[in-house]
Amino acid sequence: MDRTFTLDEARAMLPAIIEEAGELVAARADLAEIAFTREQGEASPLGGLAELKGLEARIEEIISGWHEQGLQVKGIAPVLLDFPSTLDGHRVCLCWIEGERELGWYHRDELGFAGRRPI
């Protein structure tokens, strides 16, 4: 069964999610730089294949952790997460995107990001 979150539950989780998202963003940038320099046949000061694989593993670990908590990962560039919820008797997703400091948006399940509204 899919987990649903109250607004208070989702907001209580947000500080940890913001911290993990920061780690993911840094890993994502390093991964892109290492991959690019490897494609150019150059060495990256950030490392080589081992570091690239380590960054991929860390990103997957963060994403898997969010899935295990019941979050829906909609994207990683930018990080976009949905918390399944219910609002006024309707199934919705509380929606958070990288860079936001609080959870202040929702959208109907079937509308996605384009249907975002303030809570």
C-alpha atoms as a PDB file:
ATOM      1  CA  MET A   1       0.000   0.000   0.000  1.00  0.00           C
ATOM      2  CA  ASP A   2       1.236   3.463  -0.877  1.00  0.00           C
ATOM      3  CA  ARG A   3       1.988   5.701   2.048  1.00  0.00           C
ATOM      4  CA  THR A   4       0.173   8.988   2.421  1.00  0.00           C
ATOM      5  CA  PHE A   5       1.495  11.915   4.408  1.00  0.00           C
ATOM      6  CA  THR A   6      -0.213  14.571   6.431  1.00  0.00           C
ATOM      7  CA  LEU A   7       1.063  18.081   5.809  1.00  0.00           C
ATOM      8  CA  ASP A   8       2.684  18.084   9.260  1.00  0.00           C
ATOM      9  CA  GLU A   9       4.440  14.749   8.609  1.00  0.00           C
ATOM     10  CA  ALA A  10       5.780  15.937   5.266  1.00  0.00           C
ATOM     11  CA  ARG A  11       6.957  19.257   6.679  1.00  0.00           C
ATOM     12  CA  ALA A  12       8.704  17.465   9.567  1.00  0.00           C
ATOM     13  CA  MET A  13      10.671  15.381   7.047  1.00  0.00           C
ATOM     14  CA  LEU A  14      11.708  18.361   4.942  1.00  0.00           C
ATOM     15  CA  PRO A  15      14.912  19.409   6.785  1.00  0.00           C
ATOM     16  CA  ALA A  16      16.447  15.953   6.276  1.00  0.00           C
ATOM     17  CA  ILE A  17      15.253  15.895   2.660  1.00  0.00           C
ATOM     18  CA  ILE A  18      16.783  19.308   1.967  1.00  0.00           C
ATOM     19  CA  GLU A  19      20.091  18.088   3.407  1.00  0.00           C
ATOM     20  CA  GLU A  20      20.022  14.904   1.309  1.00  0.00           C
ATOM     21  CA  ALA A  21      19.005  16.891  -1.762  1.00  0.00           C
ATOM     22  CA  GLY A  22      22.057  19.100  -1.209  1.00  0.00           C
ATOM     23  CA  GLU A  23      24.240  15.988  -1.209  1.00  0.00           C
ATOM     24  CA  LEU A  24      22.543  14.779  -4.369  1.00  0.00           C
ATOM     25  CA  VAL A  25      23.027  18.131  -6.110  1.00  0.00           C
ATOM     26  CA  ALA A  26      26.742  18.151  -5.266  1.00  0.00           C
ATOM     27  CA  ALA A  27      27.141  14.532  -6.398  1.00  0.00           C
ATOM     28  CA  ARG A  28      25.185  15.281  -9.572  1.00  0.00           C
ATOM     29  CA  ALA A  29      27.499  18.189 -10.444  1.00  0.00           C
ATOM     30  CA  ASP A  30      30.661  16.207  -9.713  1.00  0.00           C
ATOM     31  CA  LEU A  31      29.336  13.280 -11.730  1.00  0.00           C
ATOM     32  CA  ALA A  32      28.603  15.523 -14.708  1.00  0.00           C
ATOM     33  CA  GLU A  33      32.074  17.075 -14.547  1.00  0.00           C
ATOM     34  CA  ILE A  34      33.895  13.752 -14.283  1.00  0.00           C
ATOM     35  CA  ALA A  35      31.820  12.246 -17.104  1.00  0.00           C
ATOM     36  CA  PHE A  36      32.453  15.257 -19.335  1.00  0.00           C
ATOM     37  CA  THR A  37      36.209  15.289 -18.807  1.00  0.00           C
ATOM     38  CA  ARG A  38      36.355  11.524 -19.422  1.00  0.00           C
ATOM     39  CA  GLU A  39      34.458  11.989 -22.702  1.00  0.00           C
ATOM     40  CA  GLN A  40      37.019  14.641 -23.678  1.00  0.00           C
ATOM     41  CA  GLY A  41      39.843  12.188 -22.936  1.00  0.00           C
ATOM     42  CA  GLU A  42      41.082  14.349 -20.089  1.00  0.00           C
ATOM     43  CA  ALA A  43      41.682  13.688 -16.406  1.00  0.00           C
ATOM     44  CA  SER A  44      39.405  15.357 -13.884  1.00  0.00           C
ATOM     45  CA  PRO A  45      40.757  16.719 -10.605  1.00  0.00           C
ATOM     46  CA  LEU A  46      37.618  15.156  -9.094  1.00  0.00           C
ATOM     47  CA  GLY A  47      38.747  11.656  -9.988  1.00  0.00           C
ATOM     48  CA  GLY A  48      38.118   8.954 -12.516  1.00  0.00           C
ATOM     49  CA  LEU A  49      35.961   5.905 -13.020  1.00  0.00           C
ATOM     50  CA  ALA A  50      36.029   4.818  -9.366  1.00  0.00           C
ATOM     51  CA  GLU A  51      34.828   8.232  -8.184  1.00  0.00           C
ATOM     52  CA  LEU A  52      32.209   8.330 -10.941  1.00  0.00           C
ATOM     53  CA  LYS A  53      30.841   4.943  -9.819  1.00  0.00           C
ATOM     54  CA  GLY A  54      30.902   6.077  -6.190  1.00  0.00           C
ATOM     55  CA  LEU A  55      28.874   9.189  -7.036  1.00  0.00           C
ATOM     56  CA  GLU A  56      26.355   7.124  -8.998  1.00  0.00           C
ATOM     57  CA  ALA A  57      26.012   4.790  -6.005  1.00  0.00           C
ATOM     58  CA  ARG A  58      25.468   7.688  -3.586  1.00  0.00           C
ATOM     59  CA  ILE A  59      22.806   9.237  -5.806  1.00  0.00           C
ATOM     60  CA  GLU A  60      21.021   5.884  -6.059  1.00  0.00           C
ATOM     61  CA  GLU A  61      21.264   5.426  -2.284  1.00  0.00           C
ATOM     62  CA  ILE A  62      19.579   8.794  -1.654  1.00  0.00           C
ATOM     63  CA  ILE A  63      16.837   8.116  -4.218  1.00  0.00           C
ATOM     64  CA  SER A  64      16.218   4.616  -2.834  1.00  0.00           C
ATOM     65  CA  GLY A  65      15.932   6.037   0.668  1.00  0.00           C
ATOM     66  CA  TRP A  66      13.279   8.487  -0.481  1.00  0.00           C
ATOM     67  CA  HIS A  67      11.347   5.699  -2.212  1.00  0.00           C
ATOM     68  CA  GLU A  68      11.528   3.581   0.956  1.00  0.00           C
ATOM     69  CA  GLN A  69      10.019   6.468   2.923  1.00  0.00           C
ATOM     70  CA  GLY A  70       7.088   6.604   0.499  1.00  0.00           C
ATOM     71  CA  LEU A  71       8.136   9.656  -1.512  1.00  0.00           C
ATOM     72  CA  GLN A  72       7.682   9.848  -5.257  1.00  0.00           C
ATOM     73  CA  VAL A  73      10.870  10.997  -6.992  1.00  0.00           C
ATOM     74  CA  LYS A  74       9.798  12.903 -10.105  1.00  0.00           C
ATOM     75  CA  GLY A  75      13.228  14.202 -11.095  1.00  0.00           C
ATOM     76  CA  ILE A  76      16.815  14.708 -10.001  1.00  0.00           C
ATOM     77  CA  ALA A  77      17.812  17.664 -12.198  1.00  0.00           C
ATOM     78  CA  PRO A  78      16.224  19.547 -10.552  1.00  0.00           C
ATOM     79  CA  VAL A  79      15.290  17.400  -7.563  1.00  0.00           C
ATOM     80  CA  LEU A  80      11.504  17.147  -7.571  1.00  0.00           C
ATOM     81  CA  LEU A  81       9.645  15.147  -4.914  1.00  0.00           C
ATOM     82  CA  ASP A  82       5.994  14.434  -4.244  1.00  0.00           C
ATOM     83  CA  PHE A  83       4.478  13.391  -0.922  1.00  0.00           C
ATOM     84  CA  PRO A  84       1.208  11.538  -1.614  1.00  0.00           C
ATOM     85  CA  SER A  85      -1.486  13.094   0.545  1.00  0.00           C
ATOM     86  CA  THR A  86      -5.161  13.926   0.874  1.00  0.00           C
ATOM     87  CA  LEU A  87      -6.545  17.444   0.860  1.00  0.00           C
ATOM     88  CA  ASP A  88     -10.233  18.190   1.346  1.00  0.00           C
ATOM     89  CA  GLY A  89     -10.996  14.528   0.623  1.00  0.00           C
ATOM     90  CA  HIS A  90      -9.090  14.505  -2.687  1.00  0.00           C
ATOM     91  CA  ARG A  91      -5.913  12.607  -3.472  1.00  0.00           C
ATOM     92  CA  VAL A  92      -3.107  15.121  -4.043  1.00  0.00           C
ATOM     93  CA  CYS A  93       0.658  15.336  -3.945  1.00  0.00           C
ATOM     94  CA  LEU A  94       2.431  17.781  -1.688  1.00  0.00           C
ATOM     95  CA  CYS A  95       5.139  18.998  -4.030  1.00  0.00           C
ATOM     96  CA  TRP A  96       8.704  20.131  -3.291  1.00  0.00           C
ATOM     97  CA  ILE A  97      11.368  21.205  -5.786  1.00  0.00           C
ATOM     98  CA  GLU A  98      15.064  21.825  -5.265  1.00  0.00           C
ATOM     99  CA  GLY A  99      15.717  25.298  -3.913  1.00  0.00           C
ATOM    100  CA  GLU A 100      12.493  25.673  -1.944  1.00  0.00           C
ATOM    101  CA  ARG A 101      13.001  26.146   1.799  1.00  0.00           C
ATOM    102  CA  GLU A 102       9.531  24.967   2.805  1.00  0.00           C
ATOM    103  CA  LEU A 103       6.739  22.733   1.631  1.00  0.00           C
ATOM    104  CA  GLY A 104       4.148  25.167   0.342  1.00  0.00           C
ATOM    105  CA  TRP A 105       2.673  23.605  -2.822  1.00  0.00           C
ATOM    106  CA  TYR A 106       0.426  20.762  -3.896  1.00  0.00           C
ATOM    107  CA  HIS A 107      -1.110  19.454  -7.084  1.00  0.00           C
ATOM    108  CA  ARG A 108      -3.831  16.992  -7.926  1.00  0.00           C
ATOM    109  CA  ASP A 109      -2.400  13.553  -8.489  1.00  0.00           C
ATOM    110  CA  GLU A 110      -3.308  13.469 -12.173  1.00  0.00           C
ATOM    111  CA  LEU A 111      -2.152  17.021 -13.013  1.00  0.00           C
ATOM    112  CA  GLY A 112       1.480  16.904 -11.984  1.00  0.00           C
ATOM    113  CA  PHE A 113       3.787  19.892 -11.648  1.00  0.00           C
ATOM    114  CA  ALA A 114       1.833  22.037 -14.112  1.00  0.00           C
ATOM    115  CA  GLY A 115      -1.132  21.951 -11.731  1.00  0.00           C
ATOM    116  CA  ARG A 116       0.802  23.227  -8.669  1.00  0.00           C
ATOM    117  CA  ARG A 117      -1.104  25.452  -6.282  1.00  0.00           C
ATOM    118  CA  PRO A 118      -0.148  27.036  -2.977  1.00  0.00           C
ATOM    119  CA  ILE A 119      -1.252  25.052   0.070  1.00  0.00           C
END
